[in-house]
Amino acid sequence: MVIALCCLLVLFLQSLSTHSAHPTPSYLYKGKYRSVVAVPHQNGGSFEVVRSYDDSDRPSTHAVTILLYDSSKKLFRIIEEFYPALERRCLGSVAGCVEEHTKHRAENFAMTLLKAAKDEAWEEGGVKIGDFHRCGPTLAMDKYIDTRITPFLAIFRGDEQPGDHEVDRDVEEQDMKVVDCTEEQLFKWMEEGRFSVVGEWAVRRGLNTLKNLNLTT
């Protein structure tokens, strides 16, 4: 009887291991902010998946993106920067990772996302004071990356912003350029393919939210 129970216990544990919803991955590469891991597939083989980390080496699975709109000048503020994987410069909205365990930690996750959006708006776009509006649900960025991204629209007045915008940027952000433009220019550049997929999605989300607020551009 004891032997039979032991055999059943072994079979049960094997079943749990085989059908685990979160199989243990193995690292193919581990960098400071991103790692590539091999995640086993239940039918055999594995997927190569990119996972992100914050400054404390903790998982950083969320990001925010913010379309900035200067209501006093009726201009949008976006970012132009170098995309190393493409080896060319692209346009996009202000964006960054959510450091949910450290500087963006708040009383609830909605406030954490908002805090991250405000930090990125200041660090990348020079916008300290403004009205922030969430533009939609949090979505997965891609099948092979664990980041989820949340879009925001920030409405501000350029003449109300502090004049001492000096922020220490990461090395990869040193050549980042702030671009102020009209709605017409946004659509022109989107048609020319100058935006990333996420960048264009964020812009369209922001424009739709601005329209729903009955604000003209």
N, C-alpha and C. Protein backbone atom coordinates (compact mmCIF):
# COMPACT_ATOMS: atom_id res chain seq x y z
N MET A 1 0.82 -1.21 0.00
CA MET A 1 0.00 0.00 0.00
C MET A 1 0.86 1.27 0.00
N VAL A 2 1.90 1.27 0.83
CA VAL A 2 2.80 2.43 0.90
C VAL A 2 3.48 2.67 -0.44
N ILE A 3 3.93 1.55 -1.07
CA ILE A 3 4.61 1.67 -2.36
C ILE A 3 3.65 2.23 -3.40
N ALA A 4 2.40 1.80 -3.38
CA ALA A 4 1.40 2.28 -4.33
C ALA A 4 1.16 3.77 -4.16
N LEU A 5 1.06 4.22 -2.90
CA LEU A 5 0.85 5.65 -2.63
C LEU A 5 2.04 6.49 -3.10
N CYS A 6 3.25 5.95 -2.90
CA CYS A 6 4.46 6.67 -3.34
C CYS A 6 4.47 6.80 -4.86
N CYS A 7 4.07 5.73 -5.54
CA CYS A 7 4.03 5.78 -7.01
C CYS A 7 3.02 6.81 -7.50
N LEU A 8 1.87 6.86 -6.85
CA LEU A 8 0.86 7.85 -7.23
C LEU A 8 1.36 9.27 -6.99
N LEU A 9 2.09 9.47 -5.88
CA LEU A 9 2.63 10.79 -5.58
C LEU A 9 3.64 11.22 -6.63
N VAL A 10 4.51 10.30 -7.06
CA VAL A 10 5.50 10.60 -8.10
C VAL A 10 4.81 10.98 -9.40
N LEU A 11 3.80 10.22 -9.79
CA LEU A 11 3.07 10.52 -11.03
C LEU A 11 2.38 11.88 -10.95
N PHE A 12 1.85 12.21 -9.78
CA PHE A 12 1.19 13.50 -9.59
C PHE A 12 2.18 14.65 -9.75
N LEU A 13 3.35 14.52 -9.14
CA LEU A 13 4.37 15.56 -9.23
C LEU A 13 4.88 15.72 -10.65
N GLN A 14 5.04 14.62 -11.36
CA GLN A 14 5.46 14.68 -12.76
C GLN A 14 4.41 15.40 -13.61
N SER A 15 3.14 15.14 -13.30
CA SER A 15 2.06 15.79 -14.03
C SER A 15 2.09 17.30 -13.82
N LEU A 16 2.34 17.72 -12.57
CA LEU A 16 2.44 19.15 -12.28
C LEU A 16 3.58 19.79 -13.05
N SER A 17 4.70 19.10 -13.11
CA SER A 17 5.88 19.63 -13.81
C SER A 17 5.62 19.74 -15.28
N THR A 18 4.96 18.74 -15.86
CA THR A 18 4.72 18.72 -17.31
C THR A 18 3.74 19.80 -17.73
N HIS A 19 2.74 20.05 -16.88
CA HIS A 19 1.68 20.99 -17.25
C HIS A 19 1.80 22.34 -16.56
N SER A 20 2.97 22.64 -16.06
CA SER A 20 3.16 23.93 -15.39
C SER A 20 2.89 25.08 -16.34
N ALA A 21 2.13 26.06 -15.87
CA ALA A 21 1.81 27.22 -16.71
C ALA A 21 3.01 28.14 -16.86
N HIS A 22 3.99 28.01 -15.96
CA HIS A 22 5.17 28.88 -16.00
C HIS A 22 6.43 28.03 -15.92
N PRO A 23 6.78 27.34 -17.01
CA PRO A 23 7.99 26.51 -16.98
C PRO A 23 9.23 27.36 -16.74
N THR A 24 10.20 26.77 -16.07
CA THR A 24 11.42 27.49 -15.74
C THR A 24 12.23 27.79 -17.00
N PRO A 25 12.54 29.07 -17.27
CA PRO A 25 13.31 29.41 -18.47
C PRO A 25 14.81 29.26 -18.23
N SER A 26 15.56 29.20 -19.31
CA SER A 26 17.02 29.21 -19.20
C SER A 26 17.54 30.44 -19.95
N TYR A 27 18.54 31.10 -19.36
CA TYR A 27 19.06 32.33 -19.94
C TYR A 27 19.97 32.03 -21.14
N LEU A 28 19.70 32.73 -22.25
CA LEU A 28 20.58 32.68 -23.40
C LEU A 28 21.54 33.88 -23.38
N TYR A 29 21.04 34.98 -22.81
CA TYR A 29 21.84 36.20 -22.66
C TYR A 29 21.24 37.02 -21.54
N LYS A 30 22.06 37.60 -20.69
CA LYS A 30 21.56 38.46 -19.62
C LYS A 30 22.31 39.77 -19.62
N GLY A 31 21.58 40.85 -19.92
CA GLY A 31 22.17 42.18 -19.92
C GLY A 31 21.70 42.96 -18.71
N LYS A 32 21.98 44.26 -18.70
CA LYS A 32 21.62 45.10 -17.56
C LYS A 32 20.11 45.30 -17.46
N TYR A 33 19.47 45.59 -18.61
CA TYR A 33 18.04 45.86 -18.60
C TYR A 33 17.20 44.82 -19.33
N ARG A 34 17.83 44.01 -20.17
CA ARG A 34 17.09 43.02 -20.94
C ARG A 34 17.84 41.70 -21.00
N SER A 35 17.08 40.64 -21.01
CA SER A 35 17.66 39.31 -21.15
C SER A 35 16.88 38.53 -22.19
N VAL A 36 17.56 37.59 -22.82
CA VAL A 36 16.90 36.68 -23.74
C VAL A 36 16.88 35.31 -23.07
N VAL A 37 15.69 34.76 -22.93
CA VAL A 37 15.55 33.47 -22.27
C VAL A 37 14.86 32.48 -23.20
N ALA A 38 15.16 31.21 -22.99
CA ALA A 38 14.49 30.15 -23.73
C ALA A 38 13.38 29.60 -22.85
N VAL A 39 12.14 29.82 -23.26
CA VAL A 39 10.99 29.35 -22.50
C VAL A 39 10.47 28.07 -23.14
N PRO A 40 10.49 26.96 -22.41
CA PRO A 40 10.05 25.68 -22.97
C PRO A 40 8.60 25.72 -23.44
N HIS A 41 8.33 25.09 -24.56
CA HIS A 41 6.98 24.97 -25.08
C HIS A 41 6.41 23.64 -24.64
N GLN A 42 5.12 23.60 -24.32
CA GLN A 42 4.51 22.37 -23.81
C GLN A 42 4.52 21.23 -24.83
N ASN A 43 4.65 21.57 -26.11
CA ASN A 43 4.69 20.53 -27.14
C ASN A 43 6.11 20.20 -27.59
N GLY A 44 7.08 20.71 -26.84
CA GLY A 44 8.48 20.48 -27.20
C GLY A 44 9.11 21.72 -27.79
N GLY A 45 10.45 21.78 -27.75
CA GLY A 45 11.14 22.96 -28.25
C GLY A 45 11.03 24.11 -27.26
N SER A 46 11.39 25.31 -27.71
CA SER A 46 11.33 26.47 -26.83
C SER A 46 11.20 27.74 -27.65
N PHE A 47 10.75 28.80 -26.98
CA PHE A 47 10.66 30.13 -27.57
C PHE A 47 11.79 30.99 -27.02
N GLU A 48 12.34 31.87 -27.85
CA GLU A 48 13.30 32.87 -27.37
C GLU A 48 12.51 34.14 -27.04
N VAL A 49 12.54 34.50 -25.76
CA VAL A 49 11.72 35.60 -25.26
C VAL A 49 12.60 36.66 -24.61
N VAL A 50 12.26 37.94 -24.86
CA VAL A 50 12.98 39.06 -24.24
C VAL A 50 12.27 39.46 -22.96
N ARG A 51 13.01 39.54 -21.86
CA ARG A 51 12.47 39.99 -20.60
C ARG A 51 13.23 41.22 -20.12
N SER A 52 12.50 42.15 -19.48
CA SER A 52 13.07 43.43 -19.08
C SER A 52 13.22 43.52 -17.56
N TYR A 53 14.19 44.38 -17.15
CA TYR A 53 14.50 44.55 -15.73
C TYR A 53 14.71 46.03 -15.43
N ASP A 54 14.54 46.41 -14.16
CA ASP A 54 14.78 47.80 -13.77
C ASP A 54 16.19 47.95 -13.20
N ASP A 55 16.48 49.12 -12.63
CA ASP A 55 17.81 49.38 -12.09
C ASP A 55 18.17 48.47 -10.93
N SER A 56 17.17 47.89 -10.28
CA SER A 56 17.41 47.00 -9.14
C SER A 56 17.43 45.54 -9.56
N ASP A 57 17.46 45.29 -10.87
CA ASP A 57 17.49 43.92 -11.41
C ASP A 57 16.22 43.15 -11.07
N ARG A 58 15.11 43.87 -10.93
CA ARG A 58 13.83 43.22 -10.72
C ARG A 58 13.04 43.25 -12.02
N PRO A 59 12.14 42.30 -12.24
CA PRO A 59 11.35 42.29 -13.48
C PRO A 59 10.62 43.61 -13.68
N SER A 60 10.69 44.14 -14.90
CA SER A 60 10.02 45.39 -15.25
C SER A 60 9.14 45.10 -16.47
N THR A 61 7.92 44.69 -16.22
CA THR A 61 7.08 44.17 -17.29
C THR A 61 6.08 45.18 -17.85
N HIS A 62 6.17 46.43 -17.40
CA HIS A 62 5.23 47.44 -17.91
C HIS A 62 5.99 48.68 -18.39
N ALA A 63 5.37 49.35 -19.36
CA ALA A 63 5.92 50.60 -19.90
C ALA A 63 4.76 51.56 -20.16
N VAL A 64 5.10 52.83 -20.29
CA VAL A 64 4.10 53.84 -20.63
C VAL A 64 4.58 54.62 -21.85
N THR A 65 3.64 55.15 -22.60
CA THR A 65 3.97 56.01 -23.73
C THR A 65 3.01 57.19 -23.69
N ILE A 66 3.53 58.39 -23.96
CA ILE A 66 2.75 59.61 -23.76
C ILE A 66 2.84 60.52 -24.98
N LEU A 67 1.69 60.84 -25.57
CA LEU A 67 1.66 61.86 -26.60
C LEU A 67 1.47 63.20 -25.91
N LEU A 68 2.39 64.14 -26.13
CA LEU A 68 2.33 65.46 -25.50
C LEU A 68 1.68 66.46 -26.45
N TYR A 69 0.77 67.27 -25.92
CA TYR A 69 0.08 68.27 -26.74
C TYR A 69 0.10 69.63 -26.05
N ASP A 70 0.73 70.62 -26.71
CA ASP A 70 0.80 71.98 -26.21
C ASP A 70 -0.44 72.73 -26.69
N SER A 71 -1.40 72.92 -25.80
CA SER A 71 -2.66 73.55 -26.18
C SER A 71 -2.51 75.04 -26.49
N SER A 72 -1.45 75.66 -25.99
CA SER A 72 -1.25 77.09 -26.25
C SER A 72 -0.75 77.34 -27.67
N LYS A 73 0.00 76.39 -28.21
CA LYS A 73 0.54 76.52 -29.57
C LYS A 73 -0.12 75.58 -30.57
N LYS A 74 -0.97 74.67 -30.06
CA LYS A 74 -1.62 73.64 -30.88
C LYS A 74 -0.57 72.81 -31.63
N LEU A 75 0.45 72.40 -30.86
CA LEU A 75 1.51 71.57 -31.41
C LEU A 75 1.68 70.31 -30.58
N PHE A 76 2.08 69.23 -31.23
CA PHE A 76 2.36 67.97 -30.55
C PHE A 76 3.86 67.85 -30.34
N ARG A 77 4.24 67.20 -29.27
CA ARG A 77 5.66 67.00 -28.97
C ARG A 77 5.96 65.50 -29.00
N ILE A 78 6.88 65.13 -29.89
CA ILE A 78 7.28 63.73 -30.02
C ILE A 78 8.80 63.64 -29.93
N ILE A 79 9.31 62.43 -30.07
CA ILE A 79 10.74 62.17 -29.91
C ILE A 79 11.31 61.55 -31.19
N GLU A 80 12.50 62.00 -31.56
CA GLU A 80 13.26 61.34 -32.62
C GLU A 80 14.52 60.79 -31.98
N GLU A 81 14.77 59.50 -32.19
CA GLU A 81 15.97 58.89 -31.61
C GLU A 81 16.46 57.72 -32.46
N PHE A 82 17.67 57.27 -32.14
CA PHE A 82 18.29 56.18 -32.88
C PHE A 82 17.76 54.84 -32.40
N TYR A 83 17.36 54.00 -33.37
CA TYR A 83 16.90 52.64 -33.09
C TYR A 83 18.03 51.67 -33.45
N PRO A 84 18.76 51.16 -32.47
CA PRO A 84 19.94 50.34 -32.78
C PRO A 84 19.63 49.07 -33.57
N ALA A 85 18.48 48.47 -33.34
CA ALA A 85 18.16 47.24 -34.07
C ALA A 85 17.95 47.52 -35.56
N LEU A 86 17.50 48.73 -35.89
CA LEU A 86 17.25 49.11 -37.29
C LEU A 86 18.41 49.90 -37.88
N GLU A 87 19.28 50.40 -37.00
CA GLU A 87 20.43 51.23 -37.40
C GLU A 87 19.97 52.47 -38.16
N ARG A 88 18.90 53.09 -37.66
CA ARG A 88 18.42 54.36 -38.23
C ARG A 88 17.59 55.09 -37.18
N ARG A 89 17.32 56.36 -37.44
CA ARG A 89 16.53 57.16 -36.53
C ARG A 89 15.05 57.03 -36.86
N CYS A 90 14.22 56.98 -35.82
CA CYS A 90 12.77 56.87 -35.99
C CYS A 90 12.07 57.87 -35.07
N LEU A 91 10.81 58.10 -35.38
CA LEU A 91 9.98 58.96 -34.55
C LEU A 91 9.11 58.11 -33.63
N GLY A 92 8.76 58.68 -32.49
CA GLY A 92 7.87 58.00 -31.56
C GLY A 92 7.42 58.97 -30.49
N SER A 93 6.49 58.54 -29.68
CA SER A 93 6.06 59.36 -28.56
C SER A 93 7.02 59.15 -27.38
N VAL A 94 6.94 60.04 -26.42
CA VAL A 94 7.71 59.87 -25.19
C VAL A 94 7.33 58.53 -24.57
N ALA A 95 8.30 57.78 -24.08
CA ALA A 95 8.00 56.46 -23.52
C ALA A 95 9.09 56.03 -22.55
N GLY A 96 8.75 55.08 -21.71
CA GLY A 96 9.75 54.55 -20.78
C GLY A 96 9.18 53.42 -19.95
N CYS A 97 10.07 52.71 -19.29
CA CYS A 97 9.67 51.57 -18.46
C CYS A 97 9.12 52.05 -17.12
N VAL A 98 8.21 51.26 -16.58
CA VAL A 98 7.64 51.53 -15.26
C VAL A 98 8.49 50.82 -14.22
N GLU A 99 9.08 51.58 -13.32
CA GLU A 99 9.88 51.01 -12.24
C GLU A 99 8.96 50.83 -11.03
N GLU A 100 8.12 49.79 -11.12
CA GLU A 100 7.04 49.60 -10.16
C GLU A 100 7.51 49.23 -8.76
N HIS A 101 8.74 48.73 -8.64
CA HIS A 101 9.25 48.32 -7.33
C HIS A 101 9.99 49.43 -6.61
N THR A 102 10.35 50.50 -7.34
CA THR A 102 11.17 51.55 -6.74
C THR A 102 10.53 52.92 -6.90
N LYS A 103 11.02 53.75 -7.80
CA LYS A 103 10.62 55.15 -7.82
C LYS A 103 9.19 55.41 -8.29
N HIS A 104 8.56 54.46 -8.97
CA HIS A 104 7.18 54.67 -9.43
C HIS A 104 6.15 53.95 -8.55
N ARG A 105 6.60 53.34 -7.49
CA ARG A 105 5.69 52.62 -6.61
C ARG A 105 4.68 53.58 -5.99
N ALA A 106 3.39 53.18 -6.01
CA ALA A 106 2.32 54.03 -5.48
C ALA A 106 1.28 53.17 -4.78
N GLU A 107 0.21 53.82 -4.32
CA GLU A 107 -0.80 53.12 -3.53
C GLU A 107 -1.57 52.07 -4.33
N ASN A 108 -1.64 52.23 -5.66
CA ASN A 108 -2.25 51.22 -6.52
C ASN A 108 -1.57 51.29 -7.87
N PHE A 109 -1.82 50.29 -8.72
CA PHE A 109 -1.05 50.22 -9.96
C PHE A 109 -1.44 51.31 -10.96
N ALA A 110 -2.70 51.76 -10.92
CA ALA A 110 -3.11 52.86 -11.79
C ALA A 110 -2.30 54.12 -11.48
N MET A 111 -2.06 54.37 -10.19
CA MET A 111 -1.26 55.52 -9.79
C MET A 111 0.21 55.31 -10.14
N THR A 112 0.67 54.07 -10.08
CA THR A 112 2.04 53.75 -10.48
C THR A 112 2.26 54.09 -11.95
N LEU A 113 1.31 53.70 -12.79
CA LEU A 113 1.41 54.01 -14.23
C LEU A 113 1.40 55.52 -14.47
N LEU A 114 0.53 56.24 -13.77
CA LEU A 114 0.45 57.68 -13.92
C LEU A 114 1.74 58.36 -13.48
N LYS A 115 2.30 57.89 -12.38
CA LYS A 115 3.56 58.44 -11.89
C LYS A 115 4.68 58.23 -12.90
N ALA A 116 4.72 57.05 -13.50
CA ALA A 116 5.73 56.77 -14.53
C ALA A 116 5.53 57.67 -15.74
N ALA A 117 4.27 57.87 -16.15
CA ALA A 117 3.98 58.73 -17.29
C ALA A 117 4.44 60.16 -17.04
N LYS A 118 4.20 60.66 -15.84
CA LYS A 118 4.62 62.03 -15.50
C LYS A 118 6.14 62.16 -15.47
N ASP A 119 6.82 61.15 -14.94
CA ASP A 119 8.29 61.18 -14.91
C ASP A 119 8.86 61.21 -16.32
N GLU A 120 8.33 60.37 -17.22
CA GLU A 120 8.84 60.32 -18.59
C GLU A 120 8.52 61.60 -19.35
N ALA A 121 7.35 62.16 -19.11
CA ALA A 121 6.99 63.42 -19.77
C ALA A 121 7.98 64.53 -19.42
N TRP A 122 8.45 64.54 -18.18
CA TRP A 122 9.42 65.54 -17.75
C TRP A 122 10.82 65.21 -18.26
N GLU A 123 11.24 63.96 -18.07
CA GLU A 123 12.60 63.57 -18.42
C GLU A 123 12.87 63.66 -19.92
N GLU A 124 11.94 63.22 -20.73
CA GLU A 124 12.17 63.20 -22.18
C GLU A 124 11.56 64.40 -22.91
N GLY A 125 10.41 64.89 -22.40
CA GLY A 125 9.71 65.95 -23.13
C GLY A 125 9.75 67.31 -22.51
N GLY A 126 10.30 67.44 -21.29
CA GLY A 126 10.37 68.75 -20.65
C GLY A 126 9.02 69.26 -20.17
N VAL A 127 8.06 68.36 -19.96
CA VAL A 127 6.72 68.75 -19.50
C VAL A 127 6.57 68.34 -18.04
N LYS A 128 6.45 69.35 -17.18
CA LYS A 128 6.34 69.11 -15.73
C LYS A 128 4.90 69.28 -15.26
N ILE A 129 4.18 70.22 -15.89
CA ILE A 129 2.83 70.56 -15.47
C ILE A 129 1.87 70.30 -16.63
N GLY A 130 0.84 69.51 -16.38
CA GLY A 130 -0.12 69.22 -17.44
C GLY A 130 -1.22 68.30 -16.95
N ASP A 131 -2.23 68.11 -17.81
CA ASP A 131 -3.33 67.21 -17.51
C ASP A 131 -3.10 65.89 -18.24
N PHE A 132 -3.06 64.81 -17.48
CA PHE A 132 -2.77 63.50 -18.05
C PHE A 132 -4.05 62.67 -18.18
N HIS A 133 -4.22 62.08 -19.35
CA HIS A 133 -5.39 61.27 -19.64
C HIS A 133 -4.94 59.90 -20.16
N ARG A 134 -5.45 58.86 -19.55
CA ARG A 134 -5.16 57.52 -20.07
C ARG A 134 -5.95 57.31 -21.35
N CYS A 135 -5.30 56.75 -22.36
CA CYS A 135 -5.90 56.66 -23.70
C CYS A 135 -6.42 55.28 -24.06
N GLY A 136 -6.39 54.33 -23.15
CA GLY A 136 -6.87 53.00 -23.48
C GLY A 136 -6.30 51.95 -22.55
N PRO A 137 -6.58 50.69 -22.85
CA PRO A 137 -6.12 49.60 -21.99
C PRO A 137 -4.63 49.33 -22.13
N THR A 138 -4.09 48.60 -21.20
CA THR A 138 -2.71 48.13 -21.29
C THR A 138 -2.67 46.94 -22.24
N LEU A 139 -1.77 47.00 -23.22
CA LEU A 139 -1.68 45.97 -24.24
C LEU A 139 -0.30 45.32 -24.27
N ALA A 140 -0.26 44.07 -24.72
CA ALA A 140 1.03 43.40 -24.93
C ALA A 140 1.71 44.03 -26.13
N MET A 141 3.03 44.27 -26.03
CA MET A 141 3.77 44.89 -27.13
C MET A 141 4.03 43.92 -28.27
N ASP A 142 4.32 42.67 -27.91
CA ASP A 142 4.70 41.71 -28.94
C ASP A 142 4.60 40.30 -28.36
N LYS A 143 4.60 39.32 -29.22
CA LYS A 143 4.50 37.91 -28.81
C LYS A 143 5.75 37.44 -28.07
N TYR A 144 6.90 38.03 -28.40
CA TYR A 144 8.17 37.52 -27.87
C TYR A 144 8.85 38.48 -26.89
N ILE A 145 8.08 39.40 -26.30
CA ILE A 145 8.62 40.29 -25.28
C ILE A 145 7.60 40.39 -24.17
N ASP A 146 8.04 40.45 -22.91
CA ASP A 146 7.10 40.40 -21.80
C ASP A 146 6.54 41.76 -21.42
N THR A 147 6.88 42.82 -22.14
CA THR A 147 6.44 44.17 -21.79
C THR A 147 5.00 44.43 -22.22
N ARG A 148 4.25 45.02 -21.29
CA ARG A 148 2.92 45.53 -21.59
C ARG A 148 3.00 47.05 -21.58
N ILE A 149 2.27 47.72 -22.46
CA ILE A 149 2.40 49.17 -22.57
C ILE A 149 1.05 49.86 -22.44
N THR A 150 1.06 51.01 -21.75
CA THR A 150 -0.16 51.78 -21.49
C THR A 150 -0.02 53.17 -22.10
N PRO A 151 -0.98 53.61 -22.94
CA PRO A 151 -0.88 54.92 -23.60
C PRO A 151 -1.53 56.05 -22.79
N PHE A 152 -0.89 57.21 -22.84
CA PHE A 152 -1.42 58.42 -22.18
C PHE A 152 -1.37 59.59 -23.16
N LEU A 153 -2.20 60.59 -22.89
CA LEU A 153 -2.14 61.89 -23.53
C LEU A 153 -1.89 62.91 -22.43
N ALA A 154 -0.92 63.81 -22.63
CA ALA A 154 -0.66 64.89 -21.67
C ALA A 154 -0.88 66.22 -22.36
N ILE A 155 -1.81 67.01 -21.84
CA ILE A 155 -2.11 68.33 -22.39
C ILE A 155 -1.45 69.37 -21.50
N PHE A 156 -0.63 70.22 -22.11
CA PHE A 156 0.13 71.19 -21.33
C PHE A 156 0.20 72.53 -22.05
N ARG A 157 0.69 73.52 -21.36
CA ARG A 157 0.98 74.83 -21.95
C ARG A 157 2.48 75.07 -21.84
N GLY A 158 3.11 75.35 -22.95
CA GLY A 158 4.55 75.55 -22.96
C GLY A 158 5.03 76.67 -22.06
N ASP A 159 4.21 77.72 -21.93
CA ASP A 159 4.63 78.88 -21.12
C ASP A 159 4.48 78.63 -19.62
N GLU A 160 3.95 77.47 -19.23
CA GLU A 160 3.81 77.16 -17.81
C GLU A 160 4.86 76.17 -17.31
N GLN A 161 5.75 75.76 -18.19
CA GLN A 161 6.74 74.74 -17.81
C GLN A 161 7.98 75.37 -17.19
N PRO A 162 8.62 74.68 -16.24
CA PRO A 162 9.87 75.20 -15.66
C PRO A 162 10.94 75.35 -16.73
N GLY A 163 11.82 76.32 -16.55
CA GLY A 163 12.84 76.56 -17.56
C GLY A 163 14.15 75.86 -17.31
N ASP A 164 14.22 75.06 -16.24
CA ASP A 164 15.49 74.43 -15.86
C ASP A 164 15.48 72.94 -16.16
N HIS A 165 15.14 72.60 -17.39
CA HIS A 165 15.02 71.17 -17.74
C HIS A 165 16.40 70.58 -18.05
N GLU A 166 17.03 70.07 -17.00
CA GLU A 166 18.31 69.39 -17.15
C GLU A 166 18.22 68.03 -16.46
N VAL A 167 18.23 66.98 -17.26
CA VAL A 167 18.06 65.63 -16.73
C VAL A 167 19.22 64.76 -17.21
N ASP A 168 19.75 63.94 -16.31
CA ASP A 168 20.79 63.00 -16.69
C ASP A 168 20.16 61.87 -17.52
N ARG A 169 20.53 61.78 -18.77
CA ARG A 169 19.98 60.75 -19.64
C ARG A 169 20.90 59.53 -19.68
N ASP A 170 20.29 58.38 -19.97
CA ASP A 170 21.08 57.18 -20.20
C ASP A 170 21.91 57.37 -21.46
N VAL A 171 22.96 56.57 -21.61
CA VAL A 171 23.86 56.70 -22.76
C VAL A 171 23.09 56.61 -24.08
N GLU A 172 22.13 55.66 -24.16
CA GLU A 172 21.41 55.46 -25.41
C GLU A 172 20.42 56.59 -25.71
N GLU A 173 20.22 57.50 -24.74
CA GLU A 173 19.28 58.59 -24.94
C GLU A 173 19.98 59.93 -25.17
N GLN A 174 21.30 59.93 -25.24
CA GLN A 174 22.04 61.17 -25.35
C GLN A 174 21.71 61.95 -26.62
N ASP A 175 21.41 61.22 -27.70
CA ASP A 175 21.14 61.89 -28.98
C ASP A 175 19.65 62.05 -29.25
N MET A 176 18.84 61.89 -28.22
CA MET A 176 17.38 62.03 -28.37
C MET A 176 17.04 63.48 -28.71
N LYS A 177 16.14 63.66 -29.66
CA LYS A 177 15.75 64.99 -30.11
C LYS A 177 14.25 65.20 -29.90
N VAL A 178 13.89 66.32 -29.30
CA VAL A 178 12.49 66.68 -29.10
C VAL A 178 11.98 67.40 -30.34
N VAL A 179 10.82 66.98 -30.86
CA VAL A 179 10.26 67.56 -32.09
C VAL A 179 8.85 68.07 -31.81
N ASP A 180 8.60 69.35 -32.05
CA ASP A 180 7.25 69.91 -31.98
C ASP A 180 6.68 70.00 -33.38
N CYS A 181 5.44 69.55 -33.56
CA CYS A 181 4.88 69.48 -34.92
C CYS A 181 3.36 69.60 -34.89
N THR A 182 2.78 69.80 -36.06
CA THR A 182 1.33 69.90 -36.20
C THR A 182 0.73 68.51 -36.42
N GLU A 183 -0.58 68.43 -36.33
CA GLU A 183 -1.27 67.16 -36.60
C GLU A 183 -1.03 66.74 -38.05
N GLU A 184 -1.03 67.70 -38.95
CA GLU A 184 -0.79 67.40 -40.37
C GLU A 184 0.58 66.76 -40.57
N GLN A 185 1.58 67.27 -39.87
CA GLN A 185 2.92 66.68 -39.97
C GLN A 185 2.95 65.26 -39.41
N LEU A 186 2.22 65.03 -38.32
CA LEU A 186 2.16 63.69 -37.74
C LEU A 186 1.67 62.68 -38.78
N PHE A 187 0.56 63.00 -39.44
CA PHE A 187 0.00 62.07 -40.42
C PHE A 187 0.93 61.90 -41.63
N LYS A 188 1.60 62.97 -42.02
CA LYS A 188 2.54 62.89 -43.14
C LYS A 188 3.68 61.93 -42.80
N TRP A 189 4.25 62.06 -41.61
CA TRP A 189 5.37 61.20 -41.21
C TRP A 189 4.93 59.75 -41.00
N MET A 190 3.69 59.57 -40.55
CA MET A 190 3.19 58.21 -40.42
C MET A 190 3.05 57.55 -41.79
N GLU A 191 2.57 58.29 -42.75
CA GLU A 191 2.45 57.75 -44.11
C GLU A 191 3.81 57.45 -44.72
N GLU A 192 4.82 58.19 -44.32
CA GLU A 192 6.18 57.97 -44.82
C GLU A 192 6.91 56.83 -44.10
N GLY A 193 6.27 56.26 -43.07
CA GLY A 193 6.89 55.16 -42.34
C GLY A 193 8.01 55.56 -41.41
N ARG A 194 7.94 56.77 -40.88
CA ARG A 194 9.01 57.25 -40.02
C ARG A 194 8.80 56.90 -38.55
N PHE A 195 7.62 56.39 -38.21
CA PHE A 195 7.33 55.99 -36.83
C PHE A 195 7.55 54.50 -36.65
N SER A 196 7.80 54.11 -35.40
CA SER A 196 7.75 52.70 -35.04
C SER A 196 6.27 52.31 -34.92
N VAL A 197 6.00 51.01 -34.86
CA VAL A 197 4.61 50.55 -34.71
C VAL A 197 4.01 51.09 -33.41
N VAL A 198 4.76 50.93 -32.32
CA VAL A 198 4.26 51.41 -31.02
C VAL A 198 4.10 52.92 -31.02
N GLY A 199 5.05 53.63 -31.65
CA GLY A 199 4.97 55.08 -31.71
C GLY A 199 3.74 55.56 -32.45
N GLU A 200 3.45 54.95 -33.60
CA GLU A 200 2.27 55.35 -34.37
C GLU A 200 0.99 55.01 -33.62
N TRP A 201 0.95 53.84 -33.00
CA TRP A 201 -0.22 53.44 -32.22
C TRP A 201 -0.47 54.43 -31.09
N ALA A 202 0.60 54.86 -30.41
CA ALA A 202 0.46 55.81 -29.31
C ALA A 202 -0.05 57.16 -29.79
N VAL A 203 0.45 57.61 -30.94
CA VAL A 203 0.00 58.88 -31.50
C VAL A 203 -1.48 58.81 -31.86
N ARG A 204 -1.89 57.74 -32.51
CA ARG A 204 -3.29 57.61 -32.90
C ARG A 204 -4.21 57.50 -31.68
N ARG A 205 -3.76 56.81 -30.66
CA ARG A 205 -4.53 56.74 -29.41
C ARG A 205 -4.68 58.13 -28.79
N GLY A 206 -3.58 58.88 -28.76
CA GLY A 206 -3.62 60.22 -28.18
C GLY A 206 -4.52 61.16 -28.97
N LEU A 207 -4.45 61.09 -30.29
CA LEU A 207 -5.29 61.94 -31.14
C LEU A 207 -6.77 61.62 -30.93
N ASN A 208 -7.08 60.34 -30.80
CA ASN A 208 -8.47 59.93 -30.58
C ASN A 208 -8.98 60.44 -29.23
N THR A 209 -8.14 60.38 -28.21
CA THR A 209 -8.52 60.89 -26.89
C THR A 209 -8.72 62.40 -26.94
N LEU A 210 -7.86 63.10 -27.64
CA LEU A 210 -7.97 64.54 -27.78
C LEU A 210 -9.29 64.90 -28.47
N LYS A 211 -9.66 64.14 -29.47
CA LYS A 211 -10.92 64.35 -30.18
C LYS A 211 -12.11 64.14 -29.25
N ASN A 212 -12.03 63.07 -28.42
CA ASN A 212 -13.11 62.77 -27.49
C ASN A 212 -13.25 63.84 -26.42
N LEU A 213 -12.17 64.59 -26.17
CA LEU A 213 -12.22 65.69 -25.21
C LEU A 213 -12.73 66.98 -25.84
N ASN A 214 -13.07 66.90 -27.15
CA ASN A 214 -13.57 68.05 -27.90
C ASN A 214 -12.57 69.20 -27.97
N LEU A 215 -11.30 68.84 -28.07
CA LEU A 215 -10.27 69.85 -28.24
C LEU A 215 -9.80 69.87 -29.68
N THR A 216 -9.71 71.04 -30.28
CA THR A 216 -9.31 71.15 -31.68
C THR A 216 -7.81 71.32 -31.79
N THR A 217 -7.25 70.85 -32.92
CA THR A 217 -5.82 70.98 -33.17
C THR A 217 -5.56 71.89 -34.34
